[in-house]
PDB file of N, CA and C in Angstrom:
ATOM      1  N   MET A   1    -108.669  45.710-126.214  1.00  0.00           N
ATOM      2  CA  MET A   1    -108.587  44.872-125.050  1.00  0.00           C
ATOM      3  C   MET A   1    -107.416  45.341-124.178  1.00  0.00           C
ATOM      4  N   MET A   2    -107.671  45.444-122.851  1.00  0.00           N
ATOM      5  CA  MET A   2    -106.641  45.920-121.933  1.00  0.00           C
ATOM      6  C   MET A   2    -105.835  44.747-121.386  1.00  0.00           C
ATOM      7  N   PRO A   3    -104.535  44.994-121.144  1.00  0.00           N
ATOM      8  CA  PRO A   3    -103.735  43.929-120.526  1.00  0.00           C
ATOM      9  C   PRO A   3    -104.124  43.746-119.058  1.00  0.00           C
ATOM     10  N   TRP A   4    -103.772  42.595-118.496  1.00  0.00           N
ATOM     11  CA  TRP A   4    -104.091  42.300-117.099  1.00  0.00           C
ATOM     12  C   TRP A   4    -103.482  43.358-116.189  1.00  0.00           C
ATOM     13  N   GLY A   5    -104.234  43.780-115.169  1.00  0.00           N
ATOM     14  CA  GLY A   5    -103.738  44.736-114.193  1.00  0.00           C
ATOM     15  C   GLY A   5    -104.190  46.155-114.464  1.00  0.00           C
ATOM     16  N   TYR A   6    -104.728  46.442-115.663  1.00  0.00           N
ATOM     17  CA  TYR A   6    -105.158  47.796-115.950  1.00  0.00           C
ATOM     18  C   TYR A   6    -106.667  47.946-116.006  1.00  0.00           C
ATOM     19  N   GLY A   7    -107.378  46.872-116.070  1.00  0.00           N
ATOM     20  CA  GLY A   7    -108.832  46.930-116.111  1.00  0.00           C
ATOM     21  C   GLY A   7    -109.416  46.562-114.764  1.00  0.00           C
ATOM     22  N   PHE A   8    -110.686  46.283-114.741  1.00  0.00           N
ATOM     23  CA  PHE A   8    -111.329  45.840-113.513  1.00  0.00           C
ATOM     24  C   PHE A   8    -111.095  44.350-113.356  1.00  0.00           C
ATOM     25  N   GLY A   9    -110.456  43.970-112.271  1.00  0.00           N
ATOM     26  CA  GLY A   9    -110.137  42.567-112.044  1.00  0.00           C
ATOM     27  C   GLY A   9    -108.702  42.285-112.434  1.00  0.00           C
ATOM     28  N   GLY A  10    -108.269  41.099-112.196  1.00  0.00           N
ATOM     29  CA  GLY A  10    -106.915  40.710-112.551  1.00  0.00           C
ATOM     30  C   GLY A  10    -105.957  40.855-111.383  1.00  0.00           C
ATOM     31  N   PRO A  11    -104.690  40.604-111.616  1.00  0.00           N
ATOM     32  CA  PRO A  11    -103.700  40.618-110.543  1.00  0.00           C
ATOM     33  C   PRO A  11    -103.508  41.998-109.910  1.00  0.00           C
ATOM     34  N   GLY A  12    -103.679  43.069-110.682  1.00  0.00           N
ATOM     35  CA  GLY A  12    -103.506  44.415-110.136  1.00  0.00           C
ATOM     36  C   GLY A  12    -104.507  44.729-109.045  1.00  0.00           C
ATOM     37  N   MET A  13    -105.727  44.296-109.220  1.00  0.00           N
ATOM     38  CA  MET A  13    -106.753  44.540-108.217  1.00  0.00           C
ATOM     39  C   MET A  13    -106.484  43.718-106.956  1.00  0.00           C
ATOM     40  N   LEU A  14    -106.029  42.509-107.109  1.00  0.00           N
ATOM     41  CA  LEU A  14    -105.698  41.660-105.971  1.00  0.00           C
ATOM     42  C   LEU A  14    -104.531  42.259-105.184  1.00  0.00           C
ATOM     43  N   PHE A  15    -103.506  42.709-105.879  1.00  0.00           N
ATOM     44  CA  PHE A  15    -102.332  43.313-105.232  1.00  0.00           C
ATOM     45  C   PHE A  15    -102.724  44.596-104.499  1.00  0.00           C
ATOM     46  N   GLY A  16    -103.557  45.415-105.105  1.00  0.00           N
ATOM     47  CA  GLY A  16    -103.996  46.657-104.465  1.00  0.00           C
ATOM     48  C   GLY A  16    -104.806  46.379-103.204  1.00  0.00           C
ATOM     49  N   GLY A  17    -105.680  45.391-103.241  1.00  0.00           N
ATOM     50  CA  GLY A  17    -106.462  45.035-102.060  1.00  0.00           C
ATOM     51  C   GLY A  17    -105.587  44.502-100.938  1.00  0.00           C
ATOM     52  N   LEU A  18    -104.598  43.708-101.311  1.00  0.00           N
ATOM     53  CA  LEU A  18    -103.673  43.169-100.321  1.00  0.00           C
ATOM     54  C   LEU A  18    -102.859  44.289 -99.680  1.00  0.00           C
ATOM     55  N   MET A  19    -102.395  45.228-100.470  1.00  0.00           N
ATOM     56  CA  MET A  19    -101.613  46.341 -99.936  1.00  0.00           C
ATOM     57  C   MET A  19    -102.465  47.213 -99.011  1.00  0.00           C
ATOM     58  N   MET A  20    -103.714  47.435 -99.354  1.00  0.00           N
ATOM     59  CA  MET A  20    -104.601  48.216 -98.502  1.00  0.00           C
ATOM     60  C   MET A  20    -104.834  47.488 -97.168  1.00  0.00           C
ATOM     61  N   PHE A  21    -105.021  46.184 -97.221  1.00  0.00           N
ATOM     62  CA  PHE A  21    -105.200  45.389 -96.007  1.00  0.00           C
ATOM     63  C   PHE A  21    -103.961  45.469 -95.120  1.00  0.00           C
ATOM     64  N   LEU A  22    -102.775  45.347 -95.705  1.00  0.00           N
ATOM     65  CA  LEU A  22    -101.535  45.426 -94.938  1.00  0.00           C
ATOM     66  C   LEU A  22    -101.335  46.816 -94.340  1.00  0.00           C
ATOM     67  N   PHE A  23    -101.675  47.851 -95.090  1.00  0.00           N
ATOM     68  CA  PHE A  23    -101.527  49.219 -94.596  1.00  0.00           C
ATOM     69  C   PHE A  23    -102.416  49.463 -93.382  1.00  0.00           C
ATOM     70  N   TRP A  24    -103.708  49.169 -93.490  1.00  0.00           N
ATOM     71  CA  TRP A  24    -104.626  49.403 -92.384  1.00  0.00           C
ATOM     72  C   TRP A  24    -104.349  48.455 -91.215  1.00  0.00           C
ATOM     73  N   GLY A  25    -103.983  47.233 -91.505  1.00  0.00           N
ATOM     74  CA  GLY A  25    -103.622  46.300 -90.440  1.00  0.00           C
ATOM     75  C   GLY A  25    -102.395  46.778 -89.678  1.00  0.00           C
ATOM     76  N   GLY A  26    -101.412  47.294 -90.401  1.00  0.00           N
ATOM     77  CA  GLY A  26    -100.216  47.834 -89.757  1.00  0.00           C
ATOM     78  C   GLY A  26    -100.531  49.037 -88.890  1.00  0.00           C
ATOM     79  N   LEU A  27    -101.410  49.908 -89.367  1.00  0.00           N
ATOM     80  CA  LEU A  27    -101.806  51.073 -88.564  1.00  0.00           C
ATOM     81  C   LEU A  27    -102.529  50.658 -87.288  1.00  0.00           C
ATOM     82  N   ILE A  28    -103.378  49.672 -87.383  1.00  0.00           N
ATOM     83  CA  ILE A  28    -104.112  49.201 -86.203  1.00  0.00           C
ATOM     84  C   ILE A  28    -103.149  48.581 -85.200  1.00  0.00           C
ATOM     85  N   VAL A  29    -102.216  47.763 -85.660  1.00  0.00           N
ATOM     86  CA  VAL A  29    -101.245  47.143 -84.758  1.00  0.00           C
ATOM     87  C   VAL A  29    -100.356  48.201 -84.118  1.00  0.00           C
ATOM     88  N   LEU A  30     -99.911  49.173 -84.899  1.00  0.00           N
ATOM     89  CA  LEU A  30     -99.099  50.259 -84.362  1.00  0.00           C
ATOM     90  C   LEU A  30     -99.864  51.048 -83.311  1.00  0.00           C
ATOM     91  N   GLY A  31    -101.123  51.336 -83.574  1.00  0.00           N
ATOM     92  CA  GLY A  31    -101.955  52.042 -82.605  1.00  0.00           C
ATOM     93  C   GLY A  31    -102.136  51.248 -81.324  1.00  0.00           C
ATOM     94  N   TYR A  32    -102.308  49.954 -81.444  1.00  0.00           N
ATOM     95  CA  TYR A  32    -102.463  49.097 -80.268  1.00  0.00           C
ATOM     96  C   TYR A  32    -101.225  49.178 -79.374  1.00  0.00           C
ATOM     97  N   PHE A  33    -100.046  49.034 -79.979  1.00  0.00           N
ATOM     98  CA  PHE A  33     -98.814  49.072 -79.182  1.00  0.00           C
ATOM     99  C   PHE A  33     -98.561  50.461 -78.604  1.00  0.00           C
ATOM    100  N   LEU A  34     -98.936  51.494 -79.313  1.00  0.00           N
ATOM    101  CA  LEU A  34     -98.776  52.853 -78.795  1.00  0.00           C
ATOM    102  C   LEU A  34     -99.662  53.087 -77.578  1.00  0.00           C
ATOM    103  N   VAL A  35    -100.917  52.685 -77.661  1.00  0.00           N
ATOM    104  CA  VAL A  35    -101.836  52.838 -76.528  1.00  0.00           C
ATOM    105  C   VAL A  35    -101.361  51.992 -75.350  1.00  0.00           C
ATOM    106  N   ARG A  36    -100.910  50.791 -75.612  1.00  0.00           N
ATOM    107  CA  ARG A  36    -100.418  49.920 -74.543  1.00  0.00           C
ATOM    108  C   ARG A  36     -99.205  50.527 -73.842  1.00  0.00           C
ATOM    109  N   ALA A  37     -98.299  51.118 -74.611  1.00  0.00           N
ATOM    110  CA  ALA A  37     -97.117  51.748 -74.022  1.00  0.00           C
ATOM    111  C   ALA A  37     -97.514  52.967 -73.193  1.00  0.00           C
ATOM    112  N   LEU A  38     -98.473  53.738 -73.672  1.00  0.00           N
ATOM    113  CA  LEU A  38     -98.919  54.912 -72.927  1.00  0.00           C
ATOM    114  C   LEU A  38     -99.602  54.511 -71.626  1.00  0.00           C
ATOM    115  N   ILE A  39    -100.379  53.455 -71.652  1.00  0.00           N
ATOM    116  CA  ILE A  39    -101.060  52.993 -70.441  1.00  0.00           C
ATOM    117  C   ILE A  39    -100.033  52.498 -69.427  1.00  0.00           C
ATOM    118  N   ARG A  40     -99.044  51.748 -69.891  1.00  0.00           N
ATOM    119  CA  ARG A  40     -98.018  51.239 -68.977  1.00  0.00           C
ATOM    120  C   ARG A  40     -97.198  52.363 -68.373  1.00  0.00           C
ATOM    121  N   SER A  41     -96.856  53.373 -69.156  1.00  0.00           N
ATOM    122  CA  SER A  41     -96.068  54.476 -68.611  1.00  0.00           C
ATOM    123  C   SER A  41     -96.905  55.308 -67.644  1.00  0.00           C
ATOM    124  N   GLY A  42     -98.200  55.357 -67.855  1.00  0.00           N
ATOM    125  CA  GLY A  42     -99.086  56.078 -66.946  1.00  0.00           C
ATOM    126  C   GLY A  42     -99.233  55.375 -65.617  1.00  0.00           C
ATOM    127  N   GLN A  43     -99.228  54.068 -65.607  1.00  0.00           N
ATOM    128  CA  GLN A  43     -99.350  53.312 -64.363  1.00  0.00           C
ATOM    129  C   GLN A  43     -98.101  53.453 -63.522  1.00  0.00           C
ATOM    130  N   GLY A  44     -96.945  53.468 -64.139  1.00  0.00           N
ATOM    131  CA  GLY A  44     -95.700  53.567 -63.402  1.00  0.00           C
ATOM    132  C   GLY A  44     -95.492  54.944 -62.797  1.00  0.00           C
ATOM    133  N   GLY A  45     -95.922  55.994 -63.469  1.00  0.00           N
ATOM    134  CA  GLY A  45     -95.697  57.341 -62.978  1.00  0.00           C
ATOM    135  C   GLY A  45     -96.812  57.854 -62.108  1.00  0.00           C
ATOM    136  N   ALA A  46     -97.901  57.112 -61.955  1.00  0.00           N
ATOM    137  CA  ALA A  46     -99.047  57.615 -61.197  1.00  0.00           C
ATOM    138  C   ALA A  46     -98.737  57.745 -59.712  1.00  0.00           C
ATOM    139  N   ALA A  47     -97.971  56.828 -59.155  1.00  0.00           N
ATOM    140  CA  ALA A  47     -97.689  56.878 -57.729  1.00  0.00           C
ATOM    141  C   ALA A  47     -96.777  58.042 -57.380  1.00  0.00           C
ATOM    142  N   SER A  48     -95.788  58.313 -58.219  1.00  0.00           N
ATOM    143  CA  SER A  48     -94.860  59.380 -57.903  1.00  0.00           C
ATOM    144  C   SER A  48     -95.415  60.741 -58.323  1.00  0.00           C
ATOM    145  N   ALA A  49     -96.417  60.782 -59.191  1.00  0.00           N
ATOM    146  CA  ALA A  49     -96.964  62.057 -59.631  1.00  0.00           C
ATOM    147  C   ALA A  49     -97.785  62.725 -58.534  1.00  0.00           C
ATOM    148  N   GLY A  50     -98.306  61.960 -57.582  1.00  0.00           N
ATOM    149  CA  GLY A  50     -99.121  62.518 -56.528  1.00  0.00           C
ATOM    150  C   GLY A  50     -98.316  63.182 -55.427  1.00  0.00           C
ATOM    151  N   GLY A  51     -97.007  63.154 -55.516  1.00  0.00           N
ATOM    152  CA  GLY A  51     -96.173  63.773 -54.514  1.00  0.00           C
ATOM    153  C   GLY A  51     -95.661  62.792 -53.476  1.00  0.00           C
ATOM    154  N   ALA A  52     -96.298  61.654 -53.328  1.00  0.00           N
ATOM    155  CA  ALA A  52     -95.851  60.644 -52.370  1.00  0.00           C
ATOM    156  C   ALA A  52     -94.701  59.869 -52.986  1.00  0.00           C
ATOM    157  N   PRO A  53     -93.639  59.631 -52.219  1.00  0.00           N
ATOM    158  CA  PRO A  53     -92.524  58.867 -52.783  1.00  0.00           C
ATOM    159  C   PRO A  53     -92.939  57.427 -53.039  1.00  0.00           C
ATOM    160  N   SER A  54     -92.492  56.883 -54.157  1.00  0.00           N
ATOM    161  CA  SER A  54     -92.881  55.524 -54.512  1.00  0.00           C
ATOM    162  C   SER A  54     -92.142  54.500 -53.660  1.00  0.00           C
ATOM    163  N   GLY A  55     -90.921  54.809 -53.235  1.00  0.00           N
ATOM    164  CA  GLY A  55     -90.177  53.897 -52.363  1.00  0.00           C
ATOM    165  C   GLY A  55     -89.793  52.613 -53.052  1.00  0.00           C
ATOM    166  N   ASN A  56     -89.436  51.656 -52.250  1.00  0.00           N
ATOM    167  CA  ASN A  56     -89.043  50.353 -52.751  1.00  0.00           C
ATOM    168  C   ASN A  56     -90.280  49.474 -52.858  1.00  0.00           C
ATOM    169  N   ARG A  57     -90.603  49.018 -54.049  1.00  0.00           N
ATOM    170  CA  ARG A  57     -91.818  48.244 -54.274  1.00  0.00           C
ATOM    171  C   ARG A  57     -91.807  46.932 -53.493  1.00  0.00           C
ATOM    172  N   ALA A  58     -90.648  46.294 -53.386  1.00  0.00           N
ATOM    173  CA  ALA A  58     -90.574  45.035 -52.642  1.00  0.00           C
ATOM    174  C   ALA A  58     -90.895  45.258 -51.164  1.00  0.00           C
ATOM    175  N   LEU A  59     -90.409  46.354 -50.612  1.00  0.00           N
ATOM    176  CA  LEU A  59     -90.686  46.664 -49.212  1.00  0.00           C
ATOM    177  C   LEU A  59     -92.170  46.982 -49.005  1.00  0.00           C
ATOM    178  N   ASP A  60     -92.771  47.656 -49.978  1.00  0.00           N
ATOM    179  CA  ASP A  60     -94.210  47.951 -49.896  1.00  0.00           C
ATOM    180  C   ASP A  60     -95.033  46.668 -49.889  1.00  0.00           C
ATOM    181  N   ILE A  61     -94.659  45.725 -50.736  1.00  0.00           N
ATOM    182  CA  ILE A  61     -95.368  44.436 -50.781  1.00  0.00           C
ATOM    183  C   ILE A  61     -95.190  43.695 -49.464  1.00  0.00           C
ATOM    184  N   LEU A  62     -93.974  43.740 -48.931  1.00  0.00           N
ATOM    185  CA  LEU A  62     -93.706  43.085 -47.655  1.00  0.00           C
ATOM    186  C   LEU A  62     -94.558  43.678 -46.543  1.00  0.00           C
ATOM    187  N   LYS A  63     -94.675  44.992 -46.511  1.00  0.00           N
ATOM    188  CA  LYS A  63     -95.503  45.656 -45.498  1.00  0.00           C
ATOM    189  C   LYS A  63     -96.974  45.266 -45.640  1.00  0.00           C
ATOM    190  N   GLU A  64     -97.437  45.177 -46.878  1.00  0.00           N
ATOM    191  CA  GLU A  64     -98.830  44.792 -47.119  1.00  0.00           C
ATOM    192  C   GLU A  64     -99.084  43.358 -46.646  1.00  0.00           C
ATOM    193  N   ARG A  65     -98.149  42.466 -46.921  1.00  0.00           N
ATOM    194  CA  ARG A  65     -98.314  41.069 -46.482  1.00  0.00           C
ATOM    195  C   ARG A  65     -98.339  40.973 -44.964  1.00  0.00           C
ATOM    196  N   TYR A  66     -97.500  41.763 -44.306  1.00  0.00           N
ATOM    197  CA  TYR A  66     -97.480  41.753 -42.842  1.00  0.00           C
ATOM    198  C   TYR A  66     -98.784  42.333 -42.286  1.00  0.00           C
ATOM    199  N   ALA A  67     -99.256  43.398 -42.910  1.00  0.00           N
ATOM    200  CA  ALA A  67    -100.503  44.023 -42.452  1.00  0.00           C
ATOM    201  C   ALA A  67    -101.702  43.086 -42.628  1.00  0.00           C
ATOM    202  N   ARG A  68    -101.689  42.257 -43.667  1.00  0.00           N
ATOM    203  CA  ARG A  68    -102.795  41.309 -43.891  1.00  0.00           C
ATOM    204  C   ARG A  68    -102.672  40.065 -43.020  1.00  0.00           C
ATOM    205  N   GLY A  69    -101.540  39.918 -42.337  1.00  0.00           N
ATOM    206  CA  GLY A  69    -101.351  38.756 -41.477  1.00  0.00           C
ATOM    207  C   GLY A  69    -100.839  37.536 -42.198  1.00  0.00           C
ATOM    208  N   GLU A  70    -100.334  37.703 -43.406  1.00  0.00           N
ATOM    209  CA  GLU A  70     -99.827  36.562 -44.169  1.00  0.00           C
ATOM    210  C   GLU A  70     -98.486  36.070 -43.637  1.00  0.00           C
ATOM    211  N   ILE A  71     -97.715  36.949 -42.987  1.00  0.00           N
ATOM    212  CA  ILE A  71     -96.418  36.575 -42.442  1.00  0.00           C
ATOM    213  C   ILE A  71     -96.324  37.052 -40.995  1.00  0.00           C
ATOM    214  N   THR A  72     -95.461  36.404 -40.227  1.00  0.00           N
ATOM    215  CA  THR A  72     -95.291  36.767 -38.816  1.00  0.00           C
ATOM    216  C   THR A  72     -94.300  37.929 -38.700  1.00  0.00           C
ATOM    217  N   LYS A  73     -94.200  38.473 -37.485  1.00  0.00           N
ATOM    218  CA  LYS A  73     -93.265  39.570 -37.238  1.00  0.00           C
ATOM    219  C   LYS A  73     -91.827  39.124 -37.480  1.00  0.00           C
ATOM    220  N   GLU A  74     -91.503  37.905 -37.077  1.00  0.00           N
ATOM    221  CA  GLU A  74     -90.150  37.395 -37.285  1.00  0.00           C
ATOM    222  C   GLU A  74     -89.831  37.269 -38.782  1.00  0.00           C
ATOM    223  N   GLN A  75     -90.808  36.753 -39.550  1.00  0.00           N
ATOM    224  CA  GLN A  75     -90.608  36.644 -40.994  1.00  0.00           C
ATOM    225  C   GLN A  75     -90.464  38.030 -41.615  1.00  0.00           C
ATOM    226  N   TYR A  76     -91.293  38.968 -41.166  1.00  0.00           N
ATOM    227  CA  TYR A  76     -91.225  40.341 -41.672  1.00  0.00           C
ATOM    228  C   TYR A  76     -89.854  40.938 -41.412  1.00  0.00           C
ATOM    229  N   ASP A  77     -89.371  40.811 -40.169  1.00  0.00           N
ATOM    230  CA  ASP A  77     -88.073  41.381 -39.816  1.00  0.00           C
ATOM    231  C   ASP A  77     -86.942  40.749 -40.627  1.00  0.00           C
ATOM    232  N   GLN A  78     -86.996  39.431 -40.799  1.00  0.00           N
ATOM    233  CA  GLN A  78     -85.951  38.744 -41.552  1.00  0.00           C
ATOM    234  C   GLN A  78     -85.983  39.172 -43.031  1.00  0.00           C
ATOM    235  N   MET A  79     -87.163  39.227 -43.614  1.00  0.00           N
ATOM    236  CA  MET A  79     -87.276  39.605 -45.038  1.00  0.00           C
ATOM    237  C   MET A  79     -86.868  41.061 -45.231  1.00  0.00           C
ATOM    238  N   ARG A  80     -87.229  41.918 -44.310  1.00  0.00           N
ATOM    239  CA  ARG A  80     -86.833  43.325 -44.403  1.00  0.00           C
ATOM    240  C   ARG A  80     -85.306  43.456 -44.324  1.00  0.00           C
ATOM    241  N   LYS A  81     -84.706  42.666 -43.450  1.00  0.00           N
ATOM    242  CA  LYS A  81     -83.251  42.669 -43.327  1.00  0.00           C
ATOM    243  C   LYS A  81     -82.616  42.145 -44.620  1.00  0.00           C
ATOM    244  N   ASP A  82     -83.225  41.110 -45.211  1.00  0.00           N
ATOM    245  CA  ASP A  82     -82.713  40.552 -46.460  1.00  0.00           C
ATOM    246  C   ASP A  82     -82.789  41.567 -47.599  1.00  0.00           C
ATOM    247  N   LEU A  83     -83.807  42.404 -47.576  1.00  0.00           N
ATOM    248  CA  LEU A  83     -83.960  43.421 -48.608  1.00  0.00           C
ATOM    249  C   LEU A  83     -83.009  44.601 -48.411  1.00  0.00           C
ATOM    250  N   GLY A  84     -82.433  44.689 -47.234  1.00  0.00           N
ATOM    251  CA  GLY A  84     -81.504  45.788 -46.964  1.00  0.00           C
ATOM    252  C   GLY A  84     -82.201  47.056 -46.537  1.00  0.00           C
ATOM    253  N   ALA A  85     -83.412  46.931 -46.026  1.00  0.00           N
ATOM    254  CA  ALA A  85     -84.165  48.117 -45.603  1.00  0.00           C
ATOM    255  C   ALA A  85     -84.060  48.316 -44.108  1.00  0.00           C
TER     256      ALA A  85
END
């Protein structure tokens, strides 16, 4: 007769299954965060990789809002002055 943990079944089999689950789960989580980090770094560098200067993002948003008519010329000028541009 074999002691517990050396045959089929028992605590050894449960521990081995748990360790396998933790190993593969950890790899999947690590892969998820790696892909997410790569996607985020790709989005940030895409604008400057094309040769066009990225500029000040706040000023770009301000220009877009003015172009869409969301703010008046006076508001645009004041906000641009506040941004130091």
